[in-house]
């Protein structure tokens, strides 16, 4: 059984942890409101891409895809990183990436993977080391900008890997307490050029290439900002749960300490009364 000194030291440690988690919850709540405003603005980029690719459909479904996994470098935010990792692994097995949509993506098992963030990188490097082609970090410390997305898109266009389309796997913001893994598929330059909607107009090669790169940067930016909002929401909820657990542990330890202290006082009184009776 733990001594009173050990219980007292543990109480002090748990109280310090509770202070830290409460502070982190307040910080995450402040960042979440900023991230939600940025997400609402960034969704305009994603909606513009959706409208564009409605007119760009390939005759055959491309199977050679490049997966871009959106995560971050920081932890202490629940299972938000493992959700996109599991979704990517499901997609490479030919299963639905998004559980809510229930639609599978036809894909080769050796499709290349680009990971943004160290957390999903460490998970996928153990599960799919041969598929990893490029990893990017130091993005998402603050609200992601379009310049960050454009830099990632530029790195992807310079890759030697062969692919027919790009699948971005990210966390979709459902509410302030919920998120889910989702994906968006981006057509490459070849599919844009050969699609019936684009062949109606005369297009220069450079303009189609620039449009494909700009559309990829748009999609990455929308996914980065929405993933950042999900991360802040998940961290706030995780810190809230940690604070509640610390409070429950403090109550339990305080009760245990009071019982031990009362038992020690009782034993001392018994010794005093026994000694007085003996005299």
Protein backbone atom coordinates (compact mmCIF):
# COMPACT_ATOMS: atom_id res chain seq x y z
CA UNK A 1 0.00 0.00 0.00
CA UNK A 2 1.31 3.47 -0.91
CA UNK A 3 2.49 5.67 1.93
CA UNK A 4 0.99 9.09 2.63
CA UNK A 5 4.12 10.74 1.25
CA UNK A 6 3.84 8.85 -2.04
CA UNK A 7 0.13 9.70 -2.38
CA UNK A 8 0.87 13.36 -1.66
CA UNK A 9 3.58 13.49 -4.33
CA UNK A 10 1.29 11.79 -6.84
CA UNK A 11 -1.49 14.26 -6.04
CA UNK A 12 0.87 17.15 -6.69
CA UNK A 13 1.95 15.61 -10.02
CA UNK A 14 -1.64 15.01 -11.23
CA UNK A 15 -2.65 18.57 -10.25
CA UNK A 16 0.23 19.93 -12.35
CA UNK A 17 -0.87 17.78 -15.29
CA UNK A 18 -4.43 19.06 -14.91
CA UNK A 19 -3.19 22.65 -15.08
CA UNK A 20 -1.25 21.88 -18.28
CA UNK A 21 -4.16 20.11 -19.99
CA UNK A 22 -6.58 22.92 -19.09
CA UNK A 23 -4.16 25.48 -20.54
CA UNK A 24 -3.75 23.42 -23.71
CA UNK A 25 -7.53 23.14 -24.01
CA UNK A 26 -7.91 26.93 -23.81
CA UNK A 27 -5.19 27.45 -26.43
CA UNK A 28 -6.75 24.85 -28.75
CA UNK A 29 -10.18 26.47 -28.35
CA UNK A 30 -8.75 29.84 -29.41
CA UNK A 31 -6.94 28.32 -32.39
CA UNK A 32 -10.05 26.34 -33.37
CA UNK A 33 -12.13 29.47 -33.93
CA UNK A 34 -9.40 30.89 -36.21
CA UNK A 35 -9.03 27.56 -38.01
CA UNK A 36 -12.78 27.35 -38.65
CA UNK A 37 -12.82 30.82 -40.22
CA UNK A 38 -9.88 29.88 -42.44
CA UNK A 39 -11.58 26.58 -43.34
CA UNK A 40 -14.75 28.32 -44.46
CA UNK A 41 -12.68 30.54 -46.76
CA UNK A 42 -10.61 27.62 -48.08
CA UNK A 43 -13.69 25.58 -48.94
CA UNK A 44 -14.26 27.98 -51.83
CA UNK A 45 -11.09 26.62 -53.41
CA UNK A 46 -12.34 23.06 -53.02
CA UNK A 47 -15.77 23.84 -54.46
CA UNK A 48 -14.14 25.50 -57.47
CA UNK A 49 -12.11 22.33 -58.07
CA UNK A 50 -15.23 20.17 -57.79
CA UNK A 51 -16.97 22.22 -60.45
CA UNK A 52 -13.92 22.00 -62.70
CA UNK A 53 -13.50 18.22 -62.52
CA UNK A 54 -17.18 17.57 -63.15
CA UNK A 55 -16.34 18.30 -66.79
CA UNK A 56 -13.11 16.27 -66.79
CA UNK A 57 -13.87 12.55 -66.80
CA UNK A 58 -11.65 9.86 -68.20
CA UNK A 59 -12.99 7.16 -70.49
CA UNK A 60 -11.48 4.50 -68.23
CA UNK A 61 -11.04 4.76 -64.49
CA UNK A 62 -7.32 5.38 -63.80
CA UNK A 63 -5.82 2.75 -61.51
CA UNK A 64 -2.35 4.21 -61.09
CA UNK A 65 -2.98 6.84 -58.44
CA UNK A 66 -0.80 9.02 -56.27
CA UNK A 67 -2.01 9.20 -52.66
CA UNK A 68 -1.42 12.43 -50.72
CA UNK A 69 -1.97 11.87 -46.98
CA UNK A 70 -2.66 15.02 -44.95
CA UNK A 71 -1.56 14.93 -41.29
CA UNK A 72 0.69 17.07 -39.08
CA UNK A 73 3.88 16.96 -37.01
CA UNK A 74 2.19 17.31 -33.61
CA UNK A 75 0.50 14.77 -31.37
CA UNK A 76 -1.76 14.95 -28.30
CA UNK A 77 -4.84 15.18 -30.52
CA UNK A 78 -6.53 11.79 -30.29
CA UNK A 79 -6.63 9.38 -33.22
CA UNK A 80 -6.81 12.00 -35.95
CA UNK A 81 -3.57 10.87 -37.61
CA UNK A 82 -4.35 7.17 -37.47
CA UNK A 83 -7.71 7.81 -39.17
CA UNK A 84 -6.10 9.01 -42.43
CA UNK A 85 -3.47 6.26 -42.18
CA UNK A 86 -6.14 3.58 -41.91
CA UNK A 87 -8.11 5.19 -44.75
CA UNK A 88 -5.02 5.10 -46.98
CA UNK A 89 -4.40 1.45 -46.20
CA UNK A 90 -8.04 0.66 -46.98
CA UNK A 91 -7.76 2.46 -50.29
CA UNK A 92 -4.65 0.51 -51.31
CA UNK A 93 -6.46 -2.74 -50.48
CA UNK A 94 -9.31 -1.78 -52.80
CA UNK A 95 -11.72 -1.02 -49.96
CA UNK A 96 -13.74 2.22 -49.50
CA UNK A 97 -11.49 5.03 -48.26
CA UNK A 98 -14.36 6.91 -46.63
CA UNK A 99 -16.58 4.74 -44.45
CA UNK A 100 -19.55 7.11 -44.83
CA UNK A 101 -19.49 7.09 -48.65
CA UNK A 102 -18.85 3.36 -48.97
CA UNK A 103 -17.37 3.71 -52.48
CA UNK A 104 -14.17 1.88 -53.32
CA UNK A 105 -11.41 3.42 -55.47
CA UNK A 106 -9.81 1.23 -58.14
CA UNK A 107 -6.12 1.41 -57.44
CA UNK A 108 -2.88 -0.52 -57.85
CA UNK A 109 -1.44 -1.89 -54.62
CA UNK A 110 1.97 -0.34 -55.41
CA UNK A 111 0.65 3.20 -55.96
CA UNK A 112 3.03 5.89 -54.66
CA UNK A 113 2.26 7.80 -51.45
CA UNK A 114 3.16 11.37 -50.47
CA UNK A 115 2.82 12.13 -46.76
CA UNK A 116 2.46 15.61 -45.26
CA UNK A 117 3.30 15.46 -41.54
CA UNK A 118 5.61 13.32 -39.42
CA UNK A 119 2.85 11.49 -37.54
CA UNK A 120 1.35 9.64 -40.51
CA UNK A 121 4.84 9.22 -41.95
CA UNK A 122 5.94 7.14 -38.95
CA UNK A 123 2.78 5.02 -39.20
CA UNK A 124 2.91 4.43 -42.95
CA UNK A 125 6.67 3.81 -42.98
CA UNK A 126 6.01 0.71 -40.89
CA UNK A 127 2.95 -0.49 -42.84
CA UNK A 128 3.79 0.55 -46.44
CA UNK A 129 7.51 1.40 -46.63
CA UNK A 130 7.80 0.56 -50.35
CA UNK A 131 5.00 2.94 -51.35
CA UNK A 132 6.43 6.04 -49.66
CA UNK A 133 7.78 8.38 -52.34
CA UNK A 134 7.92 11.79 -50.66
CA UNK A 135 7.43 13.14 -47.14
CA UNK A 136 6.95 16.80 -46.19
CA UNK A 137 6.96 18.30 -42.70
CA UNK A 138 6.94 21.70 -40.97
CA UNK A 139 3.49 22.46 -42.45
CA UNK A 140 0.54 23.15 -40.20
CA UNK A 141 2.32 24.68 -37.21
CA UNK A 142 0.00 27.59 -37.84
CA UNK A 143 -2.95 27.90 -40.22
CA UNK A 144 -1.71 26.58 -43.61
CA UNK A 145 -1.45 29.10 -46.42
CA UNK A 146 -1.83 28.75 -50.17
CA UNK A 147 1.93 29.24 -50.47
CA UNK A 148 2.45 26.06 -48.42
CA UNK A 149 0.08 24.14 -50.68
CA UNK A 150 1.72 25.55 -53.82
CA UNK A 151 5.14 24.45 -52.54
CA UNK A 152 3.88 20.90 -51.95
CA UNK A 153 2.19 20.83 -55.37
CA UNK A 154 5.45 21.95 -57.00
CA UNK A 155 7.34 19.10 -55.30
CA UNK A 156 4.74 16.59 -56.46
CA UNK A 157 4.86 17.74 -60.10
CA UNK A 158 8.63 17.21 -60.07
CA UNK A 159 8.37 13.60 -58.85
CA UNK A 160 9.60 10.78 -61.07
CA UNK A 161 6.67 8.56 -59.99
CA UNK A 162 4.10 7.63 -62.62
CA UNK A 163 0.43 8.16 -61.85
CA UNK A 164 -2.83 8.87 -63.66
CA UNK A 165 -4.64 10.83 -60.97
CA UNK A 166 -4.13 12.14 -57.43
CA UNK A 167 -6.16 11.04 -54.41
CA UNK A 168 -5.92 13.38 -51.39
CA UNK A 169 -6.79 11.63 -48.11
CA UNK A 170 -7.62 14.09 -45.33
CA UNK A 171 -9.85 14.59 -42.29
CA UNK A 172 -13.23 16.11 -43.08
CA UNK A 173 -14.64 18.54 -40.51
CA UNK A 174 -18.11 17.31 -39.48
CA UNK A 175 -18.63 19.36 -36.31
CA UNK A 176 -16.61 20.77 -33.42
CA UNK A 177 -16.65 17.32 -31.79
CA UNK A 178 -16.56 15.03 -34.83
CA UNK A 179 -14.49 14.40 -37.95
CA UNK A 180 -14.09 11.60 -40.48
CA UNK A 181 -11.57 10.46 -43.05
CA UNK A 182 -12.46 11.59 -46.58
CA UNK A 183 -10.81 11.90 -49.96
CA UNK A 184 -10.93 13.94 -53.16
CA UNK A 185 -9.62 12.81 -56.54
CA UNK A 186 -7.77 15.22 -58.82
CA UNK A 187 -7.27 14.56 -62.53
CA UNK A 188 -3.84 15.08 -64.03
CA UNK A 189 -2.86 17.04 -67.13
CA UNK A 190 -3.42 14.14 -69.52
CA UNK A 191 -6.99 13.45 -68.36
CA UNK A 192 -7.84 17.16 -68.50
CA UNK A 193 -6.55 17.42 -72.06
CA UNK A 194 -8.36 14.30 -73.29
CA UNK A 195 -11.70 14.83 -71.52
CA UNK A 196 -14.67 15.61 -73.76
CA UNK A 197 -15.56 18.79 -71.86
CA UNK A 198 -12.11 20.28 -72.50
CA UNK A 199 -11.67 19.06 -76.08
CA UNK A 200 -14.57 21.29 -77.08
CA UNK A 201 -12.25 24.28 -76.76
CA UNK A 202 -8.82 24.81 -78.18
CA UNK A 203 -6.31 24.52 -75.38
CA UNK A 204 -2.60 25.19 -75.42
CA UNK A 205 -0.38 22.61 -73.75
CA UNK A 206 1.07 25.11 -71.28
CA UNK A 207 -2.35 26.36 -70.20
CA UNK A 208 -3.60 22.82 -69.50
CA UNK A 209 -0.44 22.04 -67.55
CA UNK A 210 -0.75 25.24 -65.52
CA UNK A 211 -4.42 24.53 -64.86
CA UNK A 212 -3.62 21.01 -63.62
CA UNK A 213 -0.91 22.32 -61.25
CA UNK A 214 -3.11 25.14 -59.98
CA UNK A 215 -6.03 22.73 -59.39
CA UNK A 216 -3.75 20.40 -57.44
CA UNK A 217 -2.54 23.30 -55.27
CA UNK A 218 -6.16 24.37 -54.72
CA UNK A 219 -7.16 20.90 -53.57
CA UNK A 220 -4.13 20.50 -51.29
CA UNK A 221 -4.81 23.91 -49.73
CA UNK A 222 -8.46 23.09 -49.01
CA UNK A 223 -7.50 19.72 -47.50
CA UNK A 224 -4.68 21.21 -45.40
CA UNK A 225 -6.87 23.90 -43.85
CA UNK A 226 -9.76 21.52 -43.16
CA UNK A 227 -7.34 18.98 -41.66
CA UNK A 228 -5.87 21.72 -39.47
CA UNK A 229 -9.34 22.61 -38.16
CA UNK A 230 -9.99 18.94 -37.38
CA UNK A 231 -6.67 18.74 -35.55
CA UNK A 232 -7.48 21.74 -33.35
CA UNK A 233 -10.95 20.33 -32.61
CA UNK A 234 -9.53 16.90 -31.76
CA UNK A 235 -6.81 18.41 -29.55
CA UNK A 236 -9.34 20.50 -27.64
CA UNK A 237 -11.52 17.43 -27.04
CA UNK A 238 -8.50 15.33 -26.07
CA UNK A 239 -7.31 17.93 -23.55
CA UNK A 240 -10.84 18.28 -22.18
CA UNK A 241 -11.04 14.52 -21.62
CA UNK A 242 -7.56 14.53 -20.08
CA UNK A 243 -8.57 17.31 -17.66
CA UNK A 244 -11.69 15.39 -16.63
CA UNK A 245 -9.67 12.22 -16.09
CA UNK A 246 -7.12 14.15 -14.03
CA UNK A 247 -9.96 15.59 -11.92
CA UNK A 248 -11.35 12.09 -11.29
CA UNK A 249 -7.90 10.82 -10.34
CA UNK A 250 -7.38 13.77 -7.98
CA UNK A 251 -10.68 13.00 -6.24
CA UNK A 252 -9.73 9.33 -5.89
CA UNK A 253 -6.23 10.10 -4.60
CA UNK A 254 -7.55 12.76 -2.22
CA UNK A 255 -10.02 10.24 -0.76
CA UNK A 256 -7.25 7.66 -0.43
CA UNK A 257 -4.98 10.24 1.23
CA UNK A 258 -7.68 11.32 3.70
CA UNK A 259 -8.38 7.71 4.65
CA UNK A 260 -4.69 6.98 5.16
CA UNK A 261 -4.21 10.16 7.20
CA UNK A 262 -7.25 9.34 9.34
CA UNK A 263 -5.94 5.81 9.90
CA UNK A 264 -2.54 7.17 10.95
CA UNK A 265 -4.16 9.62 13.39
CA UNK A 266 -6.33 6.85 14.79
CA UNK A 267 -3.31 4.59 15.30
CA UNK A 268 -1.45 7.39 17.07
CA UNK A 269 -4.47 8.01 19.35
CA UNK A 270 -4.68 4.29 20.13
CA UNK A 271 -0.99 4.27 21.06
CA UNK A 272 -1.42 7.33 23.30
CA UNK A 273 -4.51 5.94 25.03
CA UNK A 274 -2.87 2.53 25.47
CA UNK A 275 0.22 4.13 26.99
CA UNK A 276 -1.87 6.31 29.31
CA UNK A 277 -3.88 3.28 30.46
CA UNK A 278 -0.70 1.35 31.18
CA UNK A 279 0.55 4.13 33.43
